[in-house]
Amino acid sequence: MHSHWCRGTARSRRNSQSALLLWKDGWWDGDCDDVRSTHAPIFRIFDEAKAREFYVDFLGFTIDWEHRFEPGLPLYMQVSKDDCILHLSEHHGDGTSA
């Protein structure tokens, strides 16, 4: 789990006063002091369609960003609703106890 958002390869609407953080070559193109620290639980998902149906359609979350290293690889995404931020991951081992 990330303790800050100075590195990433996705776009986020939740972690800046501006509407969108813009990432360049995997790094935030700006001052890291402008990015709020965020902690979010990671929930393991096994079926992308079912996860979207549950979190977005049923619970009313919004998808903030999605990341795959390349097509066909596991999905990692952030969803939010009001002040609640969750990370959903298809990666083996995510969302399990250490």
N, C-alpha and C. Protein backbone atom coordinates (compact mmCIF):
# COMPACT_ATOMS: atom_id res chain seq x y z
N MET A 1 0.85 -1.18 0.00
CA MET A 1 0.00 0.00 0.00
C MET A 1 0.89 1.24 0.00
N HIS A 2 0.53 2.22 -0.80
CA HIS A 2 1.31 3.44 -0.92
C HIS A 2 1.02 4.38 0.25
N SER A 3 2.07 5.00 0.80
CA SER A 3 1.86 5.99 1.85
C SER A 3 1.74 7.39 1.26
N HIS A 4 2.14 7.58 0.03
CA HIS A 4 1.94 8.84 -0.66
C HIS A 4 1.84 8.57 -2.15
N TRP A 5 1.45 9.59 -2.90
CA TRP A 5 1.16 9.39 -4.32
C TRP A 5 2.14 10.13 -5.22
N CYS A 6 3.41 10.20 -4.82
CA CYS A 6 4.38 10.88 -5.68
C CYS A 6 4.83 10.00 -6.83
N ARG A 7 4.56 8.70 -6.78
CA ARG A 7 4.90 7.82 -7.89
C ARG A 7 3.66 7.06 -8.30
N GLY A 8 3.45 6.93 -9.59
CA GLY A 8 2.31 6.18 -10.08
C GLY A 8 2.27 6.19 -11.59
N THR A 9 1.37 5.41 -12.14
CA THR A 9 1.24 5.37 -13.59
C THR A 9 -0.20 5.61 -14.00
N ALA A 10 -0.99 6.11 -13.09
CA ALA A 10 -2.41 6.29 -13.39
C ALA A 10 -2.80 7.74 -13.13
N ARG A 11 -4.05 8.03 -13.37
CA ARG A 11 -4.58 9.36 -13.09
C ARG A 11 -5.51 9.27 -11.89
N SER A 12 -5.47 10.27 -11.03
CA SER A 12 -6.32 10.27 -9.85
C SER A 12 -7.05 11.59 -9.73
N ARG A 13 -8.32 11.53 -9.36
CA ARG A 13 -9.11 12.75 -9.15
C ARG A 13 -9.26 13.07 -7.67
N ARG A 14 -8.72 12.22 -6.78
CA ARG A 14 -9.02 12.36 -5.36
C ARG A 14 -7.90 12.96 -4.52
N ASN A 15 -6.69 13.12 -5.01
CA ASN A 15 -5.57 13.44 -4.16
C ASN A 15 -4.95 14.81 -4.42
N SER A 16 -5.70 15.73 -4.96
CA SER A 16 -5.17 17.05 -5.23
C SER A 16 -6.30 18.06 -5.17
N GLN A 17 -5.94 19.32 -4.91
CA GLN A 17 -6.96 20.36 -4.95
C GLN A 17 -7.45 20.57 -6.37
N SER A 18 -6.59 20.33 -7.35
CA SER A 18 -7.04 20.41 -8.73
C SER A 18 -7.86 19.18 -9.06
N ALA A 19 -8.56 19.20 -10.17
CA ALA A 19 -9.46 18.10 -10.51
C ALA A 19 -8.71 16.84 -10.89
N LEU A 20 -7.45 16.95 -11.33
CA LEU A 20 -6.77 15.77 -11.84
C LEU A 20 -5.27 15.90 -11.65
N LEU A 21 -4.66 14.85 -11.10
CA LEU A 21 -3.20 14.80 -11.06
C LEU A 21 -2.73 14.24 -12.39
N LEU A 22 -1.76 14.86 -12.98
CA LEU A 22 -1.24 14.38 -14.25
C LEU A 22 0.10 13.69 -14.01
N TRP A 23 0.22 12.50 -14.51
CA TRP A 23 1.43 11.71 -14.32
C TRP A 23 2.23 11.74 -15.60
N LYS A 24 3.54 11.80 -15.47
CA LYS A 24 4.42 11.80 -16.63
C LYS A 24 5.48 10.74 -16.42
N ASP A 25 5.53 9.76 -17.31
CA ASP A 25 6.52 8.68 -17.24
C ASP A 25 6.52 7.99 -15.88
N GLY A 26 5.35 7.83 -15.28
CA GLY A 26 5.25 7.12 -14.01
C GLY A 26 5.52 7.98 -12.80
N TRP A 27 5.80 9.26 -12.98
CA TRP A 27 6.08 10.13 -11.83
C TRP A 27 5.17 11.34 -11.88
N TRP A 28 4.77 11.82 -10.70
CA TRP A 28 3.96 13.03 -10.59
C TRP A 28 4.79 14.19 -11.10
N ASP A 29 4.25 14.93 -12.06
CA ASP A 29 4.95 16.05 -12.67
C ASP A 29 4.64 17.31 -11.87
N GLY A 30 5.15 17.38 -10.66
CA GLY A 30 4.89 18.52 -9.79
C GLY A 30 5.57 18.34 -8.45
N ASP A 31 5.22 19.14 -7.49
CA ASP A 31 5.82 19.11 -6.17
C ASP A 31 5.09 18.11 -5.29
N CYS A 32 5.82 17.17 -4.68
CA CYS A 32 5.19 16.16 -3.84
C CYS A 32 4.53 16.77 -2.60
N ASP A 33 4.92 17.98 -2.21
CA ASP A 33 4.30 18.62 -1.05
C ASP A 33 2.84 18.97 -1.34
N ASP A 34 2.47 19.04 -2.62
CA ASP A 34 1.10 19.37 -2.98
C ASP A 34 0.16 18.16 -2.95
N VAL A 35 0.71 16.97 -2.75
CA VAL A 35 -0.07 15.74 -2.79
C VAL A 35 -0.33 15.27 -1.36
N ARG A 36 -1.62 15.06 -1.02
CA ARG A 36 -1.97 14.62 0.32
C ARG A 36 -1.62 13.15 0.52
N SER A 37 -1.19 12.79 1.73
CA SER A 37 -0.98 11.39 2.06
C SER A 37 -2.32 10.71 2.21
N THR A 38 -2.41 9.49 1.68
CA THR A 38 -3.65 8.74 1.72
C THR A 38 -3.35 7.29 2.04
N HIS A 39 -4.15 6.71 2.90
CA HIS A 39 -4.07 5.28 3.18
C HIS A 39 -5.43 4.69 2.83
N ALA A 40 -5.39 3.59 2.12
CA ALA A 40 -6.63 2.95 1.71
C ALA A 40 -6.47 1.44 1.83
N PRO A 41 -7.51 0.76 2.30
CA PRO A 41 -7.44 -0.70 2.36
C PRO A 41 -7.42 -1.28 0.95
N ILE A 42 -6.75 -2.42 0.81
CA ILE A 42 -6.70 -3.13 -0.46
C ILE A 42 -7.56 -4.37 -0.34
N PHE A 43 -8.57 -4.47 -1.21
CA PHE A 43 -9.44 -5.65 -1.25
C PHE A 43 -9.11 -6.46 -2.50
N ARG A 44 -8.90 -7.74 -2.31
CA ARG A 44 -8.61 -8.64 -3.43
C ARG A 44 -9.90 -8.91 -4.19
N ILE A 45 -9.84 -8.79 -5.51
CA ILE A 45 -10.99 -9.12 -6.36
C ILE A 45 -10.59 -10.26 -7.29
N PHE A 46 -11.55 -11.10 -7.61
CA PHE A 46 -11.28 -12.26 -8.45
C PHE A 46 -12.00 -12.18 -9.78
N ASP A 47 -12.98 -11.28 -9.90
CA ASP A 47 -13.77 -11.14 -11.12
C ASP A 47 -14.02 -9.65 -11.33
N GLU A 48 -13.37 -9.07 -12.33
CA GLU A 48 -13.47 -7.63 -12.57
C GLU A 48 -14.91 -7.18 -12.79
N ALA A 49 -15.67 -7.92 -13.58
CA ALA A 49 -17.06 -7.55 -13.88
C ALA A 49 -17.91 -7.56 -12.61
N LYS A 50 -17.74 -8.59 -11.78
CA LYS A 50 -18.50 -8.68 -10.53
C LYS A 50 -18.10 -7.57 -9.56
N ALA A 51 -16.81 -7.24 -9.51
CA ALA A 51 -16.35 -6.16 -8.64
C ALA A 51 -16.95 -4.82 -9.06
N ARG A 52 -16.96 -4.55 -10.36
CA ARG A 52 -17.56 -3.30 -10.85
C ARG A 52 -19.06 -3.27 -10.56
N GLU A 53 -19.72 -4.39 -10.77
CA GLU A 53 -21.15 -4.48 -10.49
C GLU A 53 -21.43 -4.19 -9.02
N PHE A 54 -20.63 -4.76 -8.11
CA PHE A 54 -20.87 -4.58 -6.68
C PHE A 54 -20.48 -3.17 -6.21
N TYR A 55 -19.23 -2.76 -6.45
CA TYR A 55 -18.75 -1.50 -5.90
C TYR A 55 -19.34 -0.27 -6.60
N VAL A 56 -19.50 -0.32 -7.92
CA VAL A 56 -19.98 0.84 -8.67
C VAL A 56 -21.50 0.83 -8.78
N ASP A 57 -22.06 -0.24 -9.32
CA ASP A 57 -23.50 -0.27 -9.57
C ASP A 57 -24.33 -0.41 -8.30
N PHE A 58 -23.92 -1.31 -7.39
CA PHE A 58 -24.72 -1.57 -6.19
C PHE A 58 -24.41 -0.58 -5.06
N LEU A 59 -23.13 -0.38 -4.74
CA LEU A 59 -22.76 0.50 -3.61
C LEU A 59 -22.62 1.97 -4.01
N GLY A 60 -22.48 2.27 -5.30
CA GLY A 60 -22.42 3.66 -5.74
C GLY A 60 -21.05 4.30 -5.71
N PHE A 61 -19.98 3.50 -5.70
CA PHE A 61 -18.63 4.05 -5.75
C PHE A 61 -18.33 4.55 -7.16
N THR A 62 -17.34 5.42 -7.26
CA THR A 62 -16.85 5.94 -8.53
C THR A 62 -15.46 5.39 -8.77
N ILE A 63 -15.16 4.98 -9.98
CA ILE A 63 -13.80 4.53 -10.31
C ILE A 63 -12.94 5.77 -10.52
N ASP A 64 -11.90 5.92 -9.70
CA ASP A 64 -11.01 7.08 -9.80
C ASP A 64 -9.89 6.83 -10.80
N TRP A 65 -9.32 5.65 -10.77
CA TRP A 65 -8.27 5.29 -11.72
C TRP A 65 -8.11 3.78 -11.76
N GLU A 66 -7.52 3.32 -12.85
CA GLU A 66 -7.26 1.90 -13.06
C GLU A 66 -5.83 1.75 -13.59
N HIS A 67 -5.18 0.64 -13.24
CA HIS A 67 -3.83 0.39 -13.74
C HIS A 67 -3.63 -1.08 -14.05
N ARG A 68 -3.03 -1.33 -15.19
CA ARG A 68 -2.53 -2.66 -15.59
C ARG A 68 -1.14 -2.41 -16.17
N PHE A 69 -0.19 -3.29 -15.88
CA PHE A 69 1.13 -3.11 -16.46
C PHE A 69 1.09 -3.27 -17.97
N GLU A 70 0.20 -4.12 -18.45
CA GLU A 70 -0.07 -4.26 -19.88
C GLU A 70 -1.37 -5.03 -20.03
N PRO A 71 -2.00 -4.98 -21.20
CA PRO A 71 -3.27 -5.69 -21.38
C PRO A 71 -3.15 -7.17 -21.00
N GLY A 72 -4.19 -7.66 -20.34
CA GLY A 72 -4.22 -9.06 -19.94
C GLY A 72 -3.62 -9.35 -18.58
N LEU A 73 -2.92 -8.39 -18.00
CA LEU A 73 -2.35 -8.56 -16.65
C LEU A 73 -3.35 -8.09 -15.61
N PRO A 74 -3.12 -8.44 -14.33
CA PRO A 74 -4.09 -8.10 -13.28
C PRO A 74 -4.37 -6.60 -13.16
N LEU A 75 -5.60 -6.31 -12.78
CA LEU A 75 -6.08 -4.94 -12.60
C LEU A 75 -5.83 -4.48 -11.17
N TYR A 76 -5.45 -3.21 -11.02
CA TYR A 76 -5.36 -2.55 -9.72
C TYR A 76 -6.08 -1.22 -9.91
N MET A 77 -7.10 -0.94 -9.09
CA MET A 77 -7.85 0.30 -9.28
C MET A 77 -8.27 0.90 -7.94
N GLN A 78 -8.59 2.18 -8.00
CA GLN A 78 -9.09 2.89 -6.83
C GLN A 78 -10.53 3.28 -7.09
N VAL A 79 -11.39 3.05 -6.08
CA VAL A 79 -12.78 3.50 -6.12
C VAL A 79 -13.02 4.37 -4.90
N SER A 80 -13.97 5.28 -5.01
CA SER A 80 -14.26 6.15 -3.87
C SER A 80 -15.73 6.53 -3.85
N LYS A 81 -16.17 6.84 -2.64
CA LYS A 81 -17.52 7.35 -2.42
C LYS A 81 -17.43 8.27 -1.21
N ASP A 82 -17.76 9.52 -1.39
CA ASP A 82 -17.61 10.53 -0.34
C ASP A 82 -16.16 10.50 0.14
N ASP A 83 -15.90 10.29 1.44
CA ASP A 83 -14.54 10.27 1.97
C ASP A 83 -13.95 8.87 2.05
N CYS A 84 -14.65 7.88 1.54
CA CYS A 84 -14.19 6.49 1.58
C CYS A 84 -13.41 6.17 0.31
N ILE A 85 -12.18 5.73 0.46
CA ILE A 85 -11.33 5.35 -0.67
C ILE A 85 -10.91 3.90 -0.48
N LEU A 86 -11.11 3.08 -1.51
CA LEU A 86 -10.73 1.67 -1.48
C LEU A 86 -9.86 1.35 -2.69
N HIS A 87 -8.92 0.43 -2.49
CA HIS A 87 -8.15 -0.09 -3.61
C HIS A 87 -8.61 -1.52 -3.85
N LEU A 88 -8.81 -1.87 -5.11
CA LEU A 88 -9.25 -3.20 -5.51
C LEU A 88 -8.18 -3.80 -6.40
N SER A 89 -7.78 -5.03 -6.09
CA SER A 89 -6.65 -5.62 -6.80
C SER A 89 -6.90 -7.06 -7.21
N GLU A 90 -6.52 -7.38 -8.45
CA GLU A 90 -6.54 -8.75 -8.94
C GLU A 90 -5.20 -9.44 -8.70
N HIS A 91 -4.21 -8.73 -8.19
CA HIS A 91 -2.87 -9.28 -7.99
C HIS A 91 -2.87 -10.34 -6.90
N HIS A 92 -2.25 -11.47 -7.18
CA HIS A 92 -2.11 -12.55 -6.21
C HIS A 92 -1.36 -12.05 -4.98
N GLY A 93 -1.91 -12.28 -3.79
CA GLY A 93 -1.27 -11.86 -2.55
C GLY A 93 -1.76 -10.54 -2.00
N ASP A 94 -2.36 -9.69 -2.83
CA ASP A 94 -2.90 -8.43 -2.31
C ASP A 94 -4.15 -8.70 -1.50
N GLY A 95 -4.35 -7.92 -0.46
CA GLY A 95 -5.54 -8.04 0.38
C GLY A 95 -5.51 -9.24 1.30
N THR A 96 -4.32 -9.81 1.51
CA THR A 96 -4.20 -10.94 2.44
C THR A 96 -3.35 -10.52 3.62
N SER A 97 -3.48 -11.23 4.72
CA SER A 97 -2.67 -10.89 5.89
C SER A 97 -1.23 -11.34 5.69
N ALA A 98 -0.34 -10.65 6.33
CA ALA A 98 1.09 -10.96 6.17
C ALA A 98 1.49 -12.21 6.90
